[in-house]
C-alpha atoms as a PDB file:
ATOM      1  CA  MET A   1     -16.457  -4.710   7.908  1.00  0.00           C
ATOM      2  CA  ARG A   2     -14.165  -2.013   9.305  1.00  0.00           C
ATOM      3  CA  VAL A   3     -11.859  -0.231   6.904  1.00  0.00           C
ATOM      4  CA  LEU A   4      -9.045   2.100   7.852  1.00  0.00           C
ATOM      5  CA  VAL A   5      -8.360   4.927   5.362  1.00  0.00           C
ATOM      6  CA  THR A   6      -5.021   6.578   5.816  1.00  0.00           C
ATOM      7  CA  CYS A   7      -4.567   8.311   2.523  1.00  0.00           C
ATOM      8  CA  PRO A   8      -4.508  12.033   2.753  1.00  0.00           C
ATOM      9  CA  PRO A   9      -6.147  12.735  -0.692  1.00  0.00           C
ATOM     10  CA  MET A  10      -9.079  10.507   0.268  1.00  0.00           C
ATOM     11  CA  LEU A  11      -9.369  11.609   3.820  1.00  0.00           C
ATOM     12  CA  ARG A  12      -9.832  15.250   2.504  1.00  0.00           C
ATOM     13  CA  GLN A  13     -12.869  13.903   0.446  1.00  0.00           C
ATOM     14  CA  ILE A  14     -13.945  11.265   2.912  1.00  0.00           C
ATOM     15  CA  GLU A  15     -17.487  12.593   2.987  1.00  0.00           C
ATOM     16  CA  ARG A  16     -17.776  12.136  -0.685  1.00  0.00           C
ATOM     17  CA  PHE A  17     -17.024   8.414  -0.542  1.00  0.00           C
ATOM     18  CA  ARG A  18     -18.925   7.748   2.881  1.00  0.00           C
ATOM     19  CA  PRO A  19     -22.150   6.945   0.987  1.00  0.00           C
ATOM     20  CA  GLN A  20     -20.516   4.161  -1.238  1.00  0.00           C
ATOM     21  CA  PHE A  21     -18.817   2.732   2.069  1.00  0.00           C
ATOM     22  CA  ASP A  22     -22.308   2.906   3.709  1.00  0.00           C
ATOM     23  CA  ALA A  23     -23.963   1.093   0.892  1.00  0.00           C
ATOM     24  CA  LEU A  24     -21.377  -1.719   1.225  1.00  0.00           C
ATOM     25  CA  GLY A  25     -21.984  -1.773   4.941  1.00  0.00           C
ATOM     26  CA  TRP A  26     -18.495  -0.743   5.865  1.00  0.00           C
ATOM     27  CA  GLU A  27     -17.483   1.144   8.760  1.00  0.00           C
ATOM     28  CA  VAL A  28     -14.708   3.656   7.971  1.00  0.00           C
ATOM     29  CA  THR A  29     -11.908   4.977  10.273  1.00  0.00           C
ATOM     30  CA  ALA A  30     -10.485   8.184   9.086  1.00  0.00           C
ATOM     31  CA  PRO A  31      -7.903   9.397  11.506  1.00  0.00           C
ATOM     32  CA  ASP A  32      -6.772  12.823  11.701  1.00  0.00           C
ATOM     33  CA  VAL A  33      -3.555  12.660   9.757  1.00  0.00           C
ATOM     34  CA  VAL A  34      -1.782  15.367   7.867  1.00  0.00           C
ATOM     35  CA  GLN A  35       0.681  13.130   5.720  1.00  0.00           C
ATOM     36  CA  VAL A  36       1.617   9.721   7.541  1.00  0.00           C
ATOM     37  CA  LEU A  37       0.928   7.703  10.651  1.00  0.00           C
ATOM     38  CA  THR A  38       4.019   6.306  12.487  1.00  0.00           C
ATOM     39  CA  VAL A  39       4.723   2.603  12.452  1.00  0.00           C
ATOM     40  CA  GLU A  40       3.671   2.614  16.327  1.00  0.00           C
ATOM     41  CA  GLU A  41       0.404   4.230  15.506  1.00  0.00           C
ATOM     42  CA  LEU A  42      -0.271   1.790  12.626  1.00  0.00           C
ATOM     43  CA  VAL A  43       0.555  -1.179  14.612  1.00  0.00           C
ATOM     44  CA  ASP A  44      -2.093  -0.124  17.178  1.00  0.00           C
ATOM     45  CA  LEU A  45      -4.795   0.721  14.190  1.00  0.00           C
ATOM     46  CA  VAL A  46      -4.291  -1.577  11.549  1.00  0.00           C
ATOM     47  CA  PRO A  47      -5.209  -4.920  13.688  1.00  0.00           C
ATOM     48  CA  GLN A  48      -8.550  -3.316  14.370  1.00  0.00           C
ATOM     49  CA  HIS A  49      -9.550  -3.361  10.750  1.00  0.00           C
ATOM     50  CA  ASP A  50     -10.496  -5.827   8.097  1.00  0.00           C
ATOM     51  CA  GLY A  51      -9.219  -3.490   5.217  1.00  0.00           C
ATOM     52  CA  TRP A  52      -6.731  -0.913   4.870  1.00  0.00           C
ATOM     53  CA  ILE A  53      -6.463   1.718   2.194  1.00  0.00           C
ATOM     54  CA  ILE A  54      -2.759   3.007   2.519  1.00  0.00           C
ATOM     55  CA  GLY A  55      -1.404   6.370   1.619  1.00  0.00           C
ATOM     56  CA  ASP A  56       2.230   7.083   2.143  1.00  0.00           C
ATOM     57  CA  ASP A  57       2.411   5.351   5.638  1.00  0.00           C
ATOM     58  CA  PRO A  58       4.936   3.044   6.175  1.00  0.00           C
ATOM     59  CA  ALA A  59       3.374  -0.209   5.462  1.00  0.00           C
ATOM     60  CA  THR A  60       6.207  -2.363   6.646  1.00  0.00           C
ATOM     61  CA  ALA A  61       6.405  -5.944   7.666  1.00  0.00           C
ATOM     62  CA  GLU A  62       5.893  -5.131  11.349  1.00  0.00           C
ATOM     63  CA  VAL A  63       2.722  -3.328  10.439  1.00  0.00           C
ATOM     64  CA  PHE A  64       1.391  -6.238   8.219  1.00  0.00           C
ATOM     65  CA  GLN A  65       2.397  -8.917  10.980  1.00  0.00           C
ATOM     66  CA  ALA A  66       0.270  -6.826  13.601  1.00  0.00           C
ATOM     67  CA  GLY A  67      -2.625  -6.439  11.306  1.00  0.00           C
ATOM     68  CA  ALA A  68      -2.580 -10.258  10.193  1.00  0.00           C
ATOM     69  CA  ALA A  69      -2.442 -11.195  13.970  1.00  0.00           C
ATOM     70  CA  GLY A  70      -5.782  -8.902  14.189  1.00  0.00           C
ATOM     71  CA  ARG A  71      -8.657  -8.458  11.586  1.00  0.00           C
ATOM     72  CA  LEU A  72      -6.779  -7.641   8.774  1.00  0.00           C
ATOM     73  CA  LYS A  73      -7.845  -9.494   5.475  1.00  0.00           C
ATOM     74  CA  ALA A  74      -6.675  -7.202   2.560  1.00  0.00           C
ATOM     75  CA  ALA A  75      -4.964  -3.906   1.843  1.00  0.00           C
ATOM     76  CA  VAL A  76      -4.864  -1.516  -0.979  1.00  0.00           C
ATOM     77  CA  LYS A  77      -2.143   1.205  -1.870  1.00  0.00           C
ATOM     78  CA  TRP A  78      -3.897   4.385  -3.152  1.00  0.00           C
ATOM     79  CA  GLY A  79      -1.859   6.021  -5.918  1.00  0.00           C
ATOM     80  CA  ILE A  80       1.087   5.597  -7.754  1.00  0.00           C
ATOM     81  CA  GLY A  81       4.228   5.540  -5.295  1.00  0.00           C
ATOM     82  CA  VAL A  82       4.626   1.988  -3.578  1.00  0.00           C
ATOM     83  CA  ASP A  83       8.131   2.425  -2.179  1.00  0.00           C
ATOM     84  CA  ASN A  84       6.608   2.638   1.293  1.00  0.00           C
ATOM     85  CA  VAL A  85       4.715  -0.791   1.001  1.00  0.00           C
ATOM     86  CA  ASP A  86       6.174  -4.198   1.788  1.00  0.00           C
ATOM     87  CA  PHE A  87       4.206  -6.169  -0.844  1.00  0.00           C
ATOM     88  CA  ALA A  88       6.334  -9.144  -0.271  1.00  0.00           C
ATOM     89  CA  ALA A  89       5.535  -9.069   3.635  1.00  0.00           C
ATOM     90  CA  ALA A  90       1.901  -8.728   3.114  1.00  0.00           C
ATOM     91  CA  ARG A  91       1.765 -11.648   0.547  1.00  0.00           C
ATOM     92  CA  ALA A  92       3.923 -13.760   2.849  1.00  0.00           C
ATOM     93  CA  LEU A  93       1.257 -13.605   5.305  1.00  0.00           C
ATOM     94  CA  GLY A  94      -1.482 -14.486   2.866  1.00  0.00           C
ATOM     95  CA  LEU A  95      -2.952 -10.686   2.660  1.00  0.00           C
ATOM     96  CA  PRO A  96      -4.139  -9.775  -0.612  1.00  0.00           C
ATOM     97  CA  ILE A  97      -2.588  -6.488  -1.623  1.00  0.00           C
ATOM     98  CA  ILE A  98      -2.911  -4.500  -4.848  1.00  0.00           C
ATOM     99  CA  ASN A  99      -2.118  -0.820  -5.852  1.00  0.00           C
ATOM    100  CA  THR A 100      -4.294   1.676  -7.699  1.00  0.00           C
ATOM    101  CA  PRO A 101      -1.907   3.730  -9.818  1.00  0.00           C
ATOM    102  CA  THR A 102      -4.691   5.712 -11.567  1.00  0.00           C
ATOM    103  CA  CYS A 103      -6.697   6.428  -8.320  1.00  0.00           C
ATOM    104  CA  SER A 104      -4.941   9.557  -7.226  1.00  0.00           C
ATOM    105  CA  ALA A 105      -7.900  11.681  -7.782  1.00  0.00           C
ATOM    106  CA  ALA A 106     -11.659  11.146  -6.703  1.00  0.00           C
ATOM    107  CA  ARG A 107     -12.715  11.047 -10.522  1.00  0.00           C
ATOM    108  CA  SER A 108     -14.107   7.565 -10.670  1.00  0.00           C
ATOM    109  CA  ARG A 109     -17.950   7.278 -10.195  1.00  0.00           C
ATOM    110  CA  THR A 110     -17.473   3.669  -9.537  1.00  0.00           C
ATOM    111  CA  TRP A 111     -14.461   4.222  -7.095  1.00  0.00           C
ATOM    112  CA  PRO A 112     -14.961   1.567  -4.103  1.00  0.00           C
ATOM    113  CA  SER A 113     -16.014  -1.233  -6.342  1.00  0.00           C
ATOM    114  CA  PRO A 114     -12.702  -1.639  -8.388  1.00  0.00           C
ATOM    115  CA  ILE A 115     -10.476  -0.776  -5.457  1.00  0.00           C
ATOM    116  CA  CYS A 116     -11.964  -3.226  -3.113  1.00  0.00           C
ATOM    117  CA  TRP A 117     -12.038  -6.198  -5.310  1.00  0.00           C
ATOM    118  CA  PRO A 118      -9.690  -8.115  -2.595  1.00  0.00           C
ATOM    119  CA  TRP A 119     -12.515  -7.725  -0.034  1.00  0.00           C
ATOM    120  CA  ARG A 120     -15.543  -8.725  -2.415  1.00  0.00           C
ATOM    121  CA  GLY A 121     -13.613 -11.476  -4.254  1.00  0.00           C
ATOM    122  CA  ARG A 122     -14.836 -10.516  -7.800  1.00  0.00           C
ATOM    123  CA  PRO A 123     -16.010  -7.515  -9.549  1.00  0.00           C
ATOM    124  CA  SER A 124     -19.675  -6.790  -9.823  1.00  0.00           C
ATOM    125  CA  PRO A 125     -21.734  -6.720 -13.002  1.00  0.00           C
ATOM    126  CA  SER A 126     -22.627  -3.307 -12.483  1.00  0.00           C
ATOM    127  CA  THR A 127     -18.929  -2.342 -12.122  1.00  0.00           C
ATOM    128  CA  GLY A 128     -18.042  -3.735 -15.539  1.00  0.00           C
ATOM    129  CA  ALA A 129     -21.097  -1.750 -17.221  1.00  0.00           C
ATOM    130  CA  SER A 130     -20.389   1.240 -15.784  1.00  0.00           C
ATOM    131  CA  VAL A 131     -16.673   1.173 -16.737  1.00  0.00           C
ATOM    132  CA  ARG A 132     -17.556   0.342 -20.407  1.00  0.00           C
ATOM    133  CA  ALA A 133     -20.072   3.049 -20.433  1.00  0.00           C
ATOM    134  CA  SER A 134     -17.674   5.664 -19.194  1.00  0.00           C
ATOM    135  CA  GLY A 135     -15.482   5.406 -22.415  1.00  0.00           C
ATOM    136  CA  PRO A 136     -11.697   5.041 -22.726  1.00  0.00           C
ATOM    137  CA  SER A 137      -9.693   5.371 -19.458  1.00  0.00           C
ATOM    138  CA  GLN A 138      -7.615   8.587 -18.902  1.00  0.00           C
ATOM    139  CA  ARG A 139      -3.747   8.082 -18.192  1.00  0.00           C
ATOM    140  CA  ALA A 140      -2.740   9.630 -14.825  1.00  0.00           C
ATOM    141  CA  SER A 141       0.317  11.595 -15.947  1.00  0.00           C
ATOM    142  CA  ARG A 142       3.711  11.489 -17.665  1.00  0.00           C
ATOM    143  CA  SER A 143       6.785  10.360 -15.557  1.00  0.00           C
ATOM    144  CA  ALA A 144      10.192  12.175 -15.798  1.00  0.00           C
ATOM    145  CA  ALA A 145      11.236   9.608 -18.600  1.00  0.00           C
ATOM    146  CA  GLY A 146       8.256  10.789 -20.726  1.00  0.00           C
ATOM    147  CA  ARG A 147       6.517   7.503 -20.023  1.00  0.00           C
ATOM    148  CA  TRP A 148       2.829   7.199 -18.918  1.00  0.00           C
ATOM    149  CA  ALA A 149       2.648   6.642 -15.187  1.00  0.00           C
END
């Protein structure tokens, strides 16, 4: 399984996550990107991968169409903001896609399991036990309106 990671916060810590990817048998592509890749770059890269962990890149219908014509099986949007992702286009192509609003930091010990459920089909028993053992979840931040984001 090949996974493309284009999210800068995760890319900056990719070596921290590499053992978890290796344990799952996943080959990770971590392009040299400061903030976002262009649509053209994504149209070239995404179809070569089974999964895509999206940052702030333009995850447009064009990119998802190229991915679906290639190997892409699922995508995950890292973090809170989702205005750059065409969820409807991904779903129309039959691509499972979720976002992870509380995954803006690498604080989760069990990170790849929950974020990658679309690829695995279901959560593992060890993930559930680990989450229960870690206690109550922490909220990420407050929005401008004073609501939890």
